[in-house]
PDB file of N, CA and C in Angstrom:
ATOM      1  N   UNK A   1     -21.826  13.650 -11.400  1.00  0.00           N
ATOM      2  CA  UNK A   1     -20.865  12.052 -10.900  1.00  0.00           C
ATOM      3  C   UNK A   1     -19.880  13.286  -9.298  1.00  0.00           C
ATOM      4  N   UNK A   2     -19.683  12.389  -8.913  1.00  0.00           N
ATOM      5  CA  UNK A   2     -18.675  12.685  -7.664  1.00  0.00           C
ATOM      6  C   UNK A   2     -17.155  12.357  -7.518  1.00  0.00           C
ATOM      7  N   UNK A   3     -16.823  13.506  -7.258  1.00  0.00           N
ATOM      8  CA  UNK A   3     -15.355  13.290  -7.924  1.00  0.00           C
ATOM      9  C   UNK A   3     -14.434  12.025  -6.657  1.00  0.00           C
ATOM     10  N   UNK A   4     -15.292  11.611  -5.738  1.00  0.00           N
ATOM     11  CA  UNK A   4     -15.027  10.693  -4.615  1.00  0.00           C
ATOM     12  C   UNK A   4     -14.798   9.309  -5.790  1.00  0.00           C
ATOM     13  N   UNK A   5     -16.136   8.922  -6.076  1.00  0.00           N
ATOM     14  CA  UNK A   5     -15.680   7.685  -6.683  1.00  0.00           C
ATOM     15  C   UNK A   5     -14.520   7.754  -7.959  1.00  0.00           C
ATOM     16  N   UNK A   6     -13.557   8.359  -8.424  1.00  0.00           N
ATOM     17  CA  UNK A   6     -12.106   8.579  -8.896  1.00  0.00           C
ATOM     18  C   UNK A   6     -10.962   8.788  -7.979  1.00  0.00           C
ATOM     19  N   UNK A   7     -11.474   8.074  -6.658  1.00  0.00           N
ATOM     20  CA  UNK A   7     -10.213   8.153  -6.304  1.00  0.00           C
ATOM     21  C   UNK A   7     -10.177   6.570  -5.538  1.00  0.00           C
ATOM     22  N   UNK A   8      -8.814   6.037  -5.441  1.00  0.00           N
ATOM     23  CA  UNK A   8      -8.690   4.609  -4.999  1.00  0.00           C
ATOM     24  C   UNK A   8      -7.390   4.608  -3.745  1.00  0.00           C
ATOM     25  N   UNK A   9      -7.680   4.030  -3.344  1.00  0.00           N
ATOM     26  CA  UNK A   9      -6.778   3.836  -2.057  1.00  0.00           C
ATOM     27  C   UNK A   9      -5.487   2.422  -2.297  1.00  0.00           C
ATOM     28  N   UNK A  10      -4.184   3.240  -2.584  1.00  0.00           N
ATOM     29  CA  UNK A  10      -2.816   2.918  -3.154  1.00  0.00           C
ATOM     30  C   UNK A  10      -2.092   2.454  -2.242  1.00  0.00           C
ATOM     31  N   UNK A  11      -1.383   1.369  -2.144  1.00  0.00           N
ATOM     32  CA  UNK A  11      -0.178   0.608  -1.319  1.00  0.00           C
ATOM     33  C   UNK A  11       0.911   0.039  -2.014  1.00  0.00           C
ATOM     34  N   UNK A  12       2.420   0.482  -1.882  1.00  0.00           N
ATOM     35  CA  UNK A  12       3.219  -0.178  -2.705  1.00  0.00           C
ATOM     36  C   UNK A  12       2.698  -1.663  -2.387  1.00  0.00           C
ATOM     37  N   UNK A  13       3.176  -3.052  -3.258  1.00  0.00           N
ATOM     38  CA  UNK A  13       2.528  -4.214  -2.745  1.00  0.00           C
ATOM     39  C   UNK A  13       3.508  -4.680  -2.804  1.00  0.00           C
ATOM     40  N   UNK A  14       4.991  -4.496  -2.761  1.00  0.00           N
ATOM     41  CA  UNK A  14       6.106  -5.224  -2.043  1.00  0.00           C
ATOM     42  C   UNK A  14       6.410  -3.958  -1.042  1.00  0.00           C
ATOM     43  N   UNK A  15       7.220  -4.210   0.162  1.00  0.00           N
ATOM     44  CA  UNK A  15       7.116  -3.792   1.586  1.00  0.00           C
ATOM     45  C   UNK A  15       9.027  -2.635   0.518  1.00  0.00           C
ATOM     46  N   UNK A  16       9.045  -1.542   0.396  1.00  0.00           N
ATOM     47  CA  UNK A  16      10.079  -0.806   0.847  1.00  0.00           C
ATOM     48  C   UNK A  16      10.738  -0.765  -0.383  1.00  0.00           C
ATOM     49  N   UNK A  17       9.922  -0.922  -1.718  1.00  0.00           N
ATOM     50  CA  UNK A  17       9.887  -0.980  -2.844  1.00  0.00           C
ATOM     51  C   UNK A  17       8.955   0.059  -3.581  1.00  0.00           C
ATOM     52  N   UNK A  18      10.238   1.093  -4.017  1.00  0.00           N
ATOM     53  CA  UNK A  18       9.168   2.622  -4.012  1.00  0.00           C
ATOM     54  C   UNK A  18       8.190   2.719  -5.398  1.00  0.00           C
ATOM     55  N   UNK A  19       7.001   3.549  -5.384  1.00  0.00           N
ATOM     56  CA  UNK A  19       6.445   3.249  -6.522  1.00  0.00           C
ATOM     57  C   UNK A  19       6.814   4.413  -7.087  1.00  0.00           C
ATOM     58  N   UNK A  20       6.617   5.295  -7.940  1.00  0.00           N
ATOM     59  CA  UNK A  20       7.404   6.677  -8.775  1.00  0.00           C
ATOM     60  C   UNK A  20       5.142   7.124  -9.394  1.00  0.00           C
ATOM     61  N   UNK A  21       4.945   7.980  -8.785  1.00  0.00           N
ATOM     62  CA  UNK A  21       3.967   8.437  -9.121  1.00  0.00           C
ATOM     63  C   UNK A  21       4.212   9.495 -10.304  1.00  0.00           C
ATOM     64  N   UNK A  22       2.837   9.199 -11.183  1.00  0.00           N
ATOM     65  CA  UNK A  22       2.977  10.600 -12.089  1.00  0.00           C
ATOM     66  C   UNK A  22       3.530  11.549 -12.022  1.00  0.00           C
ATOM     67  N   UNK A  23       3.343  12.110 -11.281  1.00  0.00           N
ATOM     68  CA  UNK A  23       3.993  13.879 -10.837  1.00  0.00           C
ATOM     69  C   UNK A  23       5.603  13.267 -10.845  1.00  0.00           C
ATOM     70  N   UNK A  24       6.329  12.448 -10.604  1.00  0.00           N
ATOM     71  CA  UNK A  24       7.851  12.480 -10.128  1.00  0.00           C
ATOM     72  C   UNK A  24       8.034  11.878  -8.996  1.00  0.00           C
ATOM     73  N   UNK A  25       7.000  11.936  -7.603  1.00  0.00           N
ATOM     74  CA  UNK A  25       6.956  12.170  -6.576  1.00  0.00           C
ATOM     75  C   UNK A  25       7.175  10.126  -6.056  1.00  0.00           C
ATOM     76  N   UNK A  26       6.969   9.910  -5.390  1.00  0.00           N
ATOM     77  CA  UNK A  26       6.466   8.111  -4.745  1.00  0.00           C
ATOM     78  C   UNK A  26       5.369   8.324  -3.806  1.00  0.00           C
ATOM     79  N   UNK A  27       4.839   6.575  -4.197  1.00  0.00           N
ATOM     80  CA  UNK A  27       3.392   6.518  -3.154  1.00  0.00           C
ATOM     81  C   UNK A  27       4.172   6.440  -1.881  1.00  0.00           C
ATOM     82  N   UNK A  28       2.680   7.174  -0.444  1.00  0.00           N
ATOM     83  CA  UNK A  28       3.405   6.238   0.542  1.00  0.00           C
ATOM     84  C   UNK A  28       3.643   5.343   0.987  1.00  0.00           C
ATOM     85  N   UNK A  29       3.700   4.954   0.819  1.00  0.00           N
ATOM     86  CA  UNK A  29       4.683   2.973   1.889  1.00  0.00           C
ATOM     87  C   UNK A  29       3.493   2.629   2.864  1.00  0.00           C
ATOM     88  N   UNK A  30       2.346   3.689   3.234  1.00  0.00           N
ATOM     89  CA  UNK A  30       1.479   3.812   4.138  1.00  0.00           C
ATOM     90  C   UNK A  30       0.430   4.209   3.595  1.00  0.00           C
ATOM     91  N   UNK A  31       0.770   3.927   2.678  1.00  0.00           N
ATOM     92  CA  UNK A  31      -0.472   3.882   0.902  1.00  0.00           C
ATOM     93  C   UNK A  31      -0.777   5.457   1.046  1.00  0.00           C
ATOM     94  N   UNK A  32      -1.418   5.559   0.294  1.00  0.00           N
ATOM     95  CA  UNK A  32      -2.318   7.272  -0.575  1.00  0.00           C
ATOM     96  C   UNK A  32      -4.132   7.112  -0.791  1.00  0.00           C
ATOM     97  N   UNK A  33      -5.040   8.047  -1.620  1.00  0.00           N
ATOM     98  CA  UNK A  33      -5.654   7.979  -1.687  1.00  0.00           C
ATOM     99  C   UNK A  33      -5.063   8.939  -3.183  1.00  0.00           C
ATOM    100  N   UNK A  34      -5.150   7.956  -4.488  1.00  0.00           N
ATOM    101  CA  UNK A  34      -5.189   8.821  -5.940  1.00  0.00           C
ATOM    102  C   UNK A  34      -6.156   8.836  -6.513  1.00  0.00           C
ATOM    103  N   UNK A  35      -6.187  10.048  -7.441  1.00  0.00           N
ATOM    104  CA  UNK A  35      -7.106   9.620  -8.647  1.00  0.00           C
ATOM    105  C   UNK A  35      -7.470   8.860  -9.110  1.00  0.00           C
ATOM    106  N   UNK A  36      -7.826   8.035  -9.515  1.00  0.00           N
ATOM    107  CA  UNK A  36      -7.744   7.073 -10.806  1.00  0.00           C
ATOM    108  C   UNK A  36      -7.305   7.095 -11.989  1.00  0.00           C
ATOM    109  N   UNK A  37      -6.243   6.587 -13.168  1.00  0.00           N
ATOM    110  CA  UNK A  37      -6.740   6.906 -13.531  1.00  0.00           C
ATOM    111  C   UNK A  37      -5.367   6.021 -14.461  1.00  0.00           C
ATOM    112  N   UNK A  38      -5.279   5.537 -15.838  1.00  0.00           N
ATOM    113  CA  UNK A  38      -4.565   4.912 -16.675  1.00  0.00           C
ATOM    114  C   UNK A  38      -3.503   4.243 -16.067  1.00  0.00           C
ATOM    115  N   UNK A  39      -2.742   5.427 -15.903  1.00  0.00           N
ATOM    116  CA  UNK A  39      -1.717   5.071 -15.065  1.00  0.00           C
ATOM    117  C   UNK A  39      -1.254   3.805 -13.766  1.00  0.00           C
ATOM    118  N   UNK A  40      -2.606   4.308 -12.561  1.00  0.00           N
ATOM    119  CA  UNK A  40      -2.660   3.824 -11.548  1.00  0.00           C
ATOM    120  C   UNK A  40      -3.126   2.375 -12.069  1.00  0.00           C
ATOM    121  N   UNK A  41      -4.196   2.001 -13.192  1.00  0.00           N
ATOM    122  CA  UNK A  41      -5.030   1.158 -13.779  1.00  0.00           C
ATOM    123  C   UNK A  41      -3.618  -0.301 -14.124  1.00  0.00           C
ATOM    124  N   UNK A  42      -2.446   0.999 -14.681  1.00  0.00           N
ATOM    125  CA  UNK A  42      -1.952   0.084 -15.469  1.00  0.00           C
ATOM    126  C   UNK A  42      -0.658  -0.746 -14.299  1.00  0.00           C
ATOM    127  N   UNK A  43      -1.170   0.065 -12.710  1.00  0.00           N
ATOM    128  CA  UNK A  43       0.435   0.263 -11.768  1.00  0.00           C
ATOM    129  C   UNK A  43       0.110  -1.370 -11.311  1.00  0.00           C
ATOM    130  N   UNK A  44      -1.707  -1.138 -10.561  1.00  0.00           N
ATOM    131  CA  UNK A  44      -2.162  -2.331 -10.653  1.00  0.00           C
ATOM    132  C   UNK A  44      -2.103  -3.529 -11.146  1.00  0.00           C
ATOM    133  N   UNK A  45      -2.560  -3.619 -13.114  1.00  0.00           N
ATOM    134  CA  UNK A  45      -2.722  -4.772 -13.526  1.00  0.00           C
ATOM    135  C   UNK A  45      -0.744  -5.137 -13.173  1.00  0.00           C
ATOM    136  N   UNK A  46       0.411  -4.617 -13.161  1.00  0.00           N
ATOM    137  CA  UNK A  46       1.336  -4.917 -13.539  1.00  0.00           C
ATOM    138  C   UNK A  46       1.513  -5.725 -12.161  1.00  0.00           C
ATOM    139  N   UNK A  47       0.737  -5.688 -10.339  1.00  0.00           N
ATOM    140  CA  UNK A  47       0.932  -6.085  -9.561  1.00  0.00           C
ATOM    141  C   UNK A  47       2.040  -4.977  -8.696  1.00  0.00           C
ATOM    142  N   UNK A  48       1.902  -4.188  -8.684  1.00  0.00           N
ATOM    143  CA  UNK A  48       2.830  -2.713  -8.334  1.00  0.00           C
ATOM    144  C   UNK A  48       2.224  -2.486  -7.210  1.00  0.00           C
ATOM    145  N   UNK A  49       0.483  -2.034  -6.773  1.00  0.00           N
ATOM    146  CA  UNK A  49       0.130  -1.865  -6.059  1.00  0.00           C
ATOM    147  C   UNK A  49      -0.892  -2.407  -5.721  1.00  0.00           C
ATOM    148  N   UNK A  50      -1.171  -2.234  -5.017  1.00  0.00           N
ATOM    149  CA  UNK A  50      -2.764  -2.721  -4.226  1.00  0.00           C
ATOM    150  C   UNK A  50      -3.732  -1.420  -3.806  1.00  0.00           C
ATOM    151  N   UNK A  51      -4.748  -1.915  -4.277  1.00  0.00           N
ATOM    152  CA  UNK A  51      -5.951  -1.059  -4.445  1.00  0.00           C
ATOM    153  C   UNK A  51      -6.867  -1.658  -3.644  1.00  0.00           C
ATOM    154  N   UNK A  52      -7.668  -0.683  -2.671  1.00  0.00           N
ATOM    155  CA  UNK A  52      -8.956  -0.674  -1.934  1.00  0.00           C
ATOM    156  C   UNK A  52      -9.112  -1.288  -1.114  1.00  0.00           C
ATOM    157  N   UNK A  53      -9.632  -2.975  -1.348  1.00  0.00           N
ATOM    158  CA  UNK A  53      -9.687  -3.701   0.169  1.00  0.00           C
ATOM    159  C   UNK A  53      -7.884  -4.546  -0.137  1.00  0.00           C
ATOM    160  N   UNK A  54      -7.426  -4.900  -0.717  1.00  0.00           N
ATOM    161  CA  UNK A  54      -6.621  -5.779  -1.105  1.00  0.00           C
ATOM    162  C   UNK A  54      -5.415  -4.920  -0.054  1.00  0.00           C
ATOM    163  N   UNK A  55      -5.302  -3.301   0.010  1.00  0.00           N
ATOM    164  CA  UNK A  55      -4.585  -2.941  -0.244  1.00  0.00           C
ATOM    165  C   UNK A  55      -4.644  -2.432   1.671  1.00  0.00           C
ATOM    166  N   UNK A  56      -6.000  -2.678   1.712  1.00  0.00           N
ATOM    167  CA  UNK A  56      -6.088  -2.733   3.357  1.00  0.00           C
ATOM    168  C   UNK A  56      -5.722  -3.813   4.617  1.00  0.00           C
ATOM    169  N   UNK A  57      -6.361  -4.965   3.073  1.00  0.00           N
ATOM    170  CA  UNK A  57      -5.816  -6.135   4.069  1.00  0.00           C
ATOM    171  C   UNK A  57      -4.317  -6.394   4.495  1.00  0.00           C
ATOM    172  N   UNK A  58      -3.158  -6.488   2.905  1.00  0.00           N
ATOM    173  CA  UNK A  58      -2.421  -6.238   2.954  1.00  0.00           C
ATOM    174  C   UNK A  58      -1.236  -5.408   3.475  1.00  0.00           C
ATOM    175  N   UNK A  59      -2.448  -4.418   4.410  1.00  0.00           N
ATOM    176  CA  UNK A  59      -0.973  -3.513   5.596  1.00  0.00           C
ATOM    177  C   UNK A  59      -1.498  -4.156   6.940  1.00  0.00           C
ATOM    178  N   UNK A  60      -3.022  -4.326   7.470  1.00  0.00           N
ATOM    179  CA  UNK A  60      -3.784  -5.006   8.787  1.00  0.00           C
ATOM    180  C   UNK A  60      -2.796  -6.881   9.015  1.00  0.00           C
ATOM    181  N   UNK A  61      -1.991  -7.517   8.016  1.00  0.00           N
ATOM    182  CA  UNK A  61      -1.144  -8.703   7.216  1.00  0.00           C
ATOM    183  C   UNK A  61      -0.033  -8.205   8.156  1.00  0.00           C
ATOM    184  N   UNK A  62       0.776  -7.238   7.354  1.00  0.00           N
ATOM    185  CA  UNK A  62       1.860  -5.936   7.766  1.00  0.00           C
ATOM    186  C   UNK A  62       1.623  -6.085   9.208  1.00  0.00           C
ATOM    187  N   UNK A  63       0.694  -5.531  10.275  1.00  0.00           N
ATOM    188  CA  UNK A  63       1.062  -4.804  10.704  1.00  0.00           C
ATOM    189  C   UNK A  63       0.145  -5.692  12.703  1.00  0.00           C
ATOM    190  N   UNK A  64       0.262  -6.433  11.890  1.00  0.00           N
ATOM    191  CA  UNK A  64       0.300  -8.000  12.465  1.00  0.00           C
ATOM    192  C   UNK A  64       1.268  -8.531  12.287  1.00  0.00           C
ATOM    193  N   UNK A  65       1.851  -8.668  11.586  1.00  0.00           N
ATOM    194  CA  UNK A  65       3.373  -9.717  11.533  1.00  0.00           C
ATOM    195  C   UNK A  65       4.445  -8.585  11.972  1.00  0.00           C
ATOM    196  N   UNK A  66       4.748  -7.733  12.666  1.00  0.00           N
ATOM    197  CA  UNK A  66       5.039  -6.354  13.222  1.00  0.00           C
ATOM    198  C   UNK A  66       5.181  -6.628  14.386  1.00  0.00           C
ATOM    199  N   UNK A  67       4.168  -6.454  14.533  1.00  0.00           N
ATOM    200  CA  UNK A  67       3.850  -6.845  16.330  1.00  0.00           C
ATOM    201  C   UNK A  67       3.894  -8.439  16.669  1.00  0.00           C
ATOM    202  N   UNK A  68       4.154  -8.784  16.038  1.00  0.00           N
ATOM    203  CA  UNK A  68       4.000 -10.945  16.177  1.00  0.00           C
ATOM    204  C   UNK A  68       6.229 -10.566  16.747  1.00  0.00           C
ATOM    205  N   UNK A  69       6.788  -9.892  15.815  1.00  0.00           N
ATOM    206  CA  UNK A  69       8.121 -10.052  15.326  1.00  0.00           C
ATOM    207  C   UNK A  69       8.860  -9.498  16.689  1.00  0.00           C
ATOM    208  N   UNK A  70       8.066  -7.962  17.356  1.00  0.00           N
ATOM    209  CA  UNK A  70       8.436  -7.230  18.484  1.00  0.00           C
ATOM    210  C   UNK A  70       8.095  -8.243  19.175  1.00  0.00           C
ATOM    211  N   UNK A  71       7.160  -9.015  19.030  1.00  0.00           N
ATOM    212  CA  UNK A  71       6.434 -10.484  20.499  1.00  0.00           C
ATOM    213  C   UNK A  71       7.801 -11.012  20.570  1.00  0.00           C
ATOM    214  N   UNK A  72       8.087 -11.416  19.558  1.00  0.00           N
ATOM    215  CA  UNK A  72       8.523 -12.511  19.666  1.00  0.00           C
ATOM    216  C   UNK A  72      10.117 -12.343  19.464  1.00  0.00           C
ATOM    217  N   UNK A  73      10.914 -11.104  20.074  1.00  0.00           N
ATOM    218  CA  UNK A  73      11.848 -10.105  19.968  1.00  0.00           C
ATOM    219  C   UNK A  73      12.452  -9.843  21.376  1.00  0.00           C
ATOM    220  N   UNK A  74      11.025  -9.757  22.009  1.00  0.00           N
ATOM    221  CA  UNK A  74      10.880  -9.481  23.530  1.00  0.00           C
ATOM    222  C   UNK A  74      10.769 -10.836  24.437  1.00  0.00           C
ATOM    223  N   UNK A  75      10.329 -11.462  23.674  1.00  0.00           N
ATOM    224  CA  UNK A  75      10.765 -12.996  24.602  1.00  0.00           C
ATOM    225  C   UNK A  75      11.688 -13.550  24.429  1.00  0.00           C
ATOM    226  N   UNK A  76      12.245 -12.936  23.292  1.00  0.00           N
ATOM    227  CA  UNK A  76      13.867 -14.275  23.208  1.00  0.00           C
ATOM    228  C   UNK A  76      15.058 -12.727  24.229  1.00  0.00           C
ATOM    229  N   UNK A  77      14.358 -11.755  23.929  1.00  0.00           N
ATOM    230  CA  UNK A  77      15.651 -10.391  25.512  1.00  0.00           C
ATOM    231  C   UNK A  77      15.257 -11.466  27.180  1.00  0.00           C
ATOM    232  N   UNK A  78      14.118 -12.493  27.577  1.00  0.00           N
ATOM    233  CA  UNK A  78      14.411 -12.532  28.884  1.00  0.00           C
ATOM    234  C   UNK A  78      15.342 -12.768  29.139  1.00  0.00           C
TER     235      UNK A  78
END
């Protein structure tokens, strides 16, 4: 069994709301690969983090929204 199968990509579900890791640090707002464990499964089930495909889709939406906001602010500045 590959150790890679036990890794999942997670991002915080809410922007600017930090999610604590089991070791006391915080999950990166940009997302990161973590070892799948009961702790992270609980965070997923509680809605605190988004996993794999949902996380990547959410990041894409946030990037598009930021790009649109920047374009809107540049338009208003003219």
